[in-house]
């Protein structure tokens, strides 16, 4: 069985990905909640957010079975 889906990626441009998430103003308040919801450390915002998030997505996908949904 195949399941077709898509993912919205967030990143800070590390590794030349072209992603950008630069929390300023009110969006800074939501950044810790976003990271917690994705299971990422707070240091990801100033580090390799792109790589850390991509790795987390792979963990989610590769660690699931159809019966887990």
N, C-alpha and C. Protein backbone atom coordinates (compact mmCIF):
# COMPACT_ATOMS: atom_id res chain seq x y z
N UNK A 1 0.84 -1.17 0.00
CA UNK A 1 0.00 0.00 0.00
C UNK A 1 0.89 1.24 0.00
N UNK A 2 0.51 2.23 -0.75
CA UNK A 2 1.22 3.50 -0.76
C UNK A 2 0.32 4.59 -0.22
N UNK A 3 0.93 5.47 0.52
CA UNK A 3 0.22 6.63 1.03
C UNK A 3 0.93 7.86 0.49
N UNK A 4 0.20 8.72 -0.17
CA UNK A 4 0.76 9.92 -0.74
C UNK A 4 0.52 11.08 0.22
N UNK A 5 1.57 11.82 0.52
CA UNK A 5 1.42 12.96 1.41
C UNK A 5 2.51 13.98 1.08
N UNK A 6 2.44 15.11 1.74
CA UNK A 6 3.50 16.11 1.59
C UNK A 6 3.81 16.70 2.96
N UNK A 7 4.96 17.34 3.04
CA UNK A 7 5.43 17.91 4.29
C UNK A 7 5.84 19.35 4.05
N UNK A 8 5.45 20.22 4.94
CA UNK A 8 5.94 21.59 4.91
C UNK A 8 7.24 21.63 5.69
N UNK A 9 8.29 22.08 5.05
CA UNK A 9 9.61 22.06 5.67
C UNK A 9 9.93 23.44 6.21
N UNK A 10 10.54 23.46 7.36
CA UNK A 10 11.01 24.70 7.96
C UNK A 10 12.51 24.59 8.11
N UNK A 11 13.20 25.68 7.88
CA UNK A 11 14.65 25.66 8.00
C UNK A 11 15.21 27.06 8.14
N UNK A 12 16.51 27.14 8.37
CA UNK A 12 17.17 28.44 8.51
C UNK A 12 18.24 28.65 7.45
N UNK A 13 18.24 27.84 6.41
CA UNK A 13 19.14 28.05 5.28
C UNK A 13 20.49 27.36 5.40
N UNK A 14 20.71 26.61 6.48
CA UNK A 14 21.99 25.92 6.60
C UNK A 14 22.10 24.88 5.51
N UNK A 15 23.28 24.70 5.00
CA UNK A 15 23.49 23.72 3.94
C UNK A 15 23.02 24.21 2.58
N UNK A 16 22.72 25.50 2.44
CA UNK A 16 22.32 26.05 1.15
C UNK A 16 20.96 25.59 0.66
N UNK A 17 20.05 25.27 1.56
CA UNK A 17 18.75 24.74 1.17
C UNK A 17 17.81 25.81 0.63
N UNK A 18 18.03 27.04 0.99
CA UNK A 18 17.13 28.11 0.56
C UNK A 18 15.95 28.31 1.50
N UNK A 19 15.82 27.45 2.52
CA UNK A 19 14.77 27.63 3.52
C UNK A 19 15.11 28.82 4.40
N UNK A 20 14.10 29.44 4.94
CA UNK A 20 14.37 30.51 5.90
C UNK A 20 13.26 30.59 6.92
N UNK A 21 13.66 30.60 8.14
CA UNK A 21 12.76 30.85 9.26
C UNK A 21 13.56 31.70 10.22
N UNK A 22 13.20 32.94 10.29
CA UNK A 22 13.91 33.88 11.15
C UNK A 22 12.89 34.54 12.06
N UNK A 23 12.66 33.92 13.22
CA UNK A 23 11.64 34.46 14.11
C UNK A 23 12.00 35.85 14.64
N UNK A 24 11.12 36.78 14.40
CA UNK A 24 11.27 38.14 14.90
C UNK A 24 9.92 38.61 15.43
N UNK A 25 9.94 39.50 16.34
CA UNK A 25 8.69 40.04 16.88
C UNK A 25 7.84 38.95 17.50
N UNK A 26 6.58 38.93 17.13
CA UNK A 26 5.61 37.99 17.70
C UNK A 26 5.96 36.54 17.35
N UNK A 27 6.53 36.30 16.19
CA UNK A 27 6.84 34.92 15.79
C UNK A 27 7.89 34.29 16.70
N UNK A 28 8.67 35.10 17.40
CA UNK A 28 9.65 34.56 18.35
C UNK A 28 8.96 33.81 19.49
N UNK A 29 7.75 34.24 19.82
CA UNK A 29 7.02 33.59 20.90
C UNK A 29 6.59 32.17 20.52
N UNK A 30 6.32 31.96 19.25
CA UNK A 30 5.87 30.65 18.79
C UNK A 30 6.99 29.68 18.49
N UNK A 31 8.21 30.16 18.35
CA UNK A 31 9.34 29.30 17.98
C UNK A 31 9.55 28.15 18.96
N UNK A 32 9.58 28.38 20.28
CA UNK A 32 9.77 27.24 21.19
C UNK A 32 8.64 26.21 21.10
N UNK A 33 7.42 26.67 20.87
CA UNK A 33 6.29 25.74 20.73
C UNK A 33 6.41 24.92 19.46
N UNK A 34 6.85 25.56 18.38
CA UNK A 34 7.04 24.85 17.12
C UNK A 34 8.09 23.76 17.29
N UNK A 35 9.21 24.11 17.91
CA UNK A 35 10.27 23.13 18.11
C UNK A 35 9.82 21.98 18.98
N UNK A 36 9.12 22.29 20.06
CA UNK A 36 8.64 21.23 20.95
C UNK A 36 7.67 20.31 20.22
N UNK A 37 6.78 20.89 19.41
CA UNK A 37 5.82 20.09 18.66
C UNK A 37 6.47 19.16 17.65
N UNK A 38 7.63 19.57 17.13
CA UNK A 38 8.36 18.75 16.17
C UNK A 38 9.37 17.84 16.84
N UNK A 39 9.52 17.98 18.16
CA UNK A 39 10.48 17.14 18.88
C UNK A 39 11.92 17.54 18.66
N UNK A 40 12.16 18.84 18.40
CA UNK A 40 13.51 19.32 18.13
C UNK A 40 14.04 20.13 19.32
N UNK A 41 15.36 20.14 19.50
CA UNK A 41 15.94 20.94 20.59
C UNK A 41 15.92 22.43 20.26
N UNK A 42 15.91 23.27 21.28
CA UNK A 42 15.90 24.73 21.06
C UNK A 42 17.13 25.20 20.31
N UNK A 43 18.23 24.48 20.45
CA UNK A 43 19.47 24.87 19.77
C UNK A 43 19.35 24.74 18.25
N UNK A 44 18.34 24.06 17.77
CA UNK A 44 18.16 23.89 16.32
C UNK A 44 17.93 25.22 15.62
N UNK A 45 17.32 26.18 16.31
CA UNK A 45 17.06 27.49 15.68
C UNK A 45 18.33 28.21 15.28
N UNK A 46 19.37 28.07 16.06
CA UNK A 46 20.63 28.76 15.75
C UNK A 46 21.66 27.82 15.15
N UNK A 47 21.33 26.54 15.06
CA UNK A 47 22.23 25.54 14.48
C UNK A 47 21.74 25.10 13.12
N UNK A 48 21.84 23.83 12.87
CA UNK A 48 21.46 23.23 11.58
C UNK A 48 19.99 22.82 11.60
N UNK A 49 19.11 23.80 11.64
CA UNK A 49 17.68 23.52 11.68
C UNK A 49 17.24 22.68 10.49
N UNK A 50 17.76 22.98 9.31
CA UNK A 50 17.39 22.23 8.10
C UNK A 50 17.71 20.75 8.25
N UNK A 51 18.94 20.46 8.65
CA UNK A 51 19.38 19.07 8.78
C UNK A 51 18.68 18.34 9.90
N UNK A 52 18.50 19.02 11.03
CA UNK A 52 17.85 18.40 12.19
C UNK A 52 16.39 18.07 11.86
N UNK A 53 15.71 19.00 11.19
CA UNK A 53 14.31 18.76 10.83
C UNK A 53 14.19 17.65 9.79
N UNK A 54 15.07 17.65 8.80
CA UNK A 54 15.05 16.59 7.78
C UNK A 54 15.27 15.22 8.42
N UNK A 55 16.19 15.16 9.37
CA UNK A 55 16.45 13.90 10.08
C UNK A 55 15.22 13.47 10.88
N UNK A 56 14.55 14.42 11.50
CA UNK A 56 13.34 14.10 12.27
C UNK A 56 12.24 13.57 11.35
N UNK A 57 12.08 14.18 10.18
CA UNK A 57 11.08 13.70 9.22
C UNK A 57 11.38 12.25 8.83
N UNK A 58 12.65 11.96 8.55
CA UNK A 58 13.03 10.58 8.21
C UNK A 58 12.73 9.62 9.36
N UNK A 59 12.99 10.05 10.58
CA UNK A 59 12.66 9.20 11.74
C UNK A 59 11.17 8.94 11.81
N UNK A 60 10.37 9.95 11.57
CA UNK A 60 8.92 9.77 11.61
C UNK A 60 8.46 8.79 10.53
N UNK A 61 8.96 8.99 9.31
CA UNK A 61 8.51 8.16 8.19
C UNK A 61 9.04 6.73 8.29
N UNK A 62 10.31 6.58 8.55
CA UNK A 62 10.91 5.25 8.59
C UNK A 62 10.52 4.46 9.83
N UNK A 63 10.08 5.14 10.86
CA UNK A 63 9.71 4.46 12.08
C UNK A 63 8.24 4.10 12.17
N UNK A 64 7.49 4.36 11.13
CA UNK A 64 6.05 4.11 11.16
C UNK A 64 5.66 2.95 10.26
N UNK A 65 4.59 2.34 10.63
CA UNK A 65 3.95 1.33 9.78
C UNK A 65 2.53 1.82 9.51
N UNK A 66 1.91 1.30 8.51
CA UNK A 66 0.57 1.72 8.17
C UNK A 66 -0.36 1.52 9.34
N UNK A 67 -0.14 0.49 10.14
CA UNK A 67 -1.03 0.22 11.28
C UNK A 67 -0.84 1.24 12.41
N UNK A 68 0.23 2.05 12.37
CA UNK A 68 0.47 3.05 13.41
C UNK A 68 -0.44 4.28 13.25
N UNK A 69 -1.08 4.42 12.11
CA UNK A 69 -1.87 5.63 11.85
C UNK A 69 -3.29 5.47 12.30
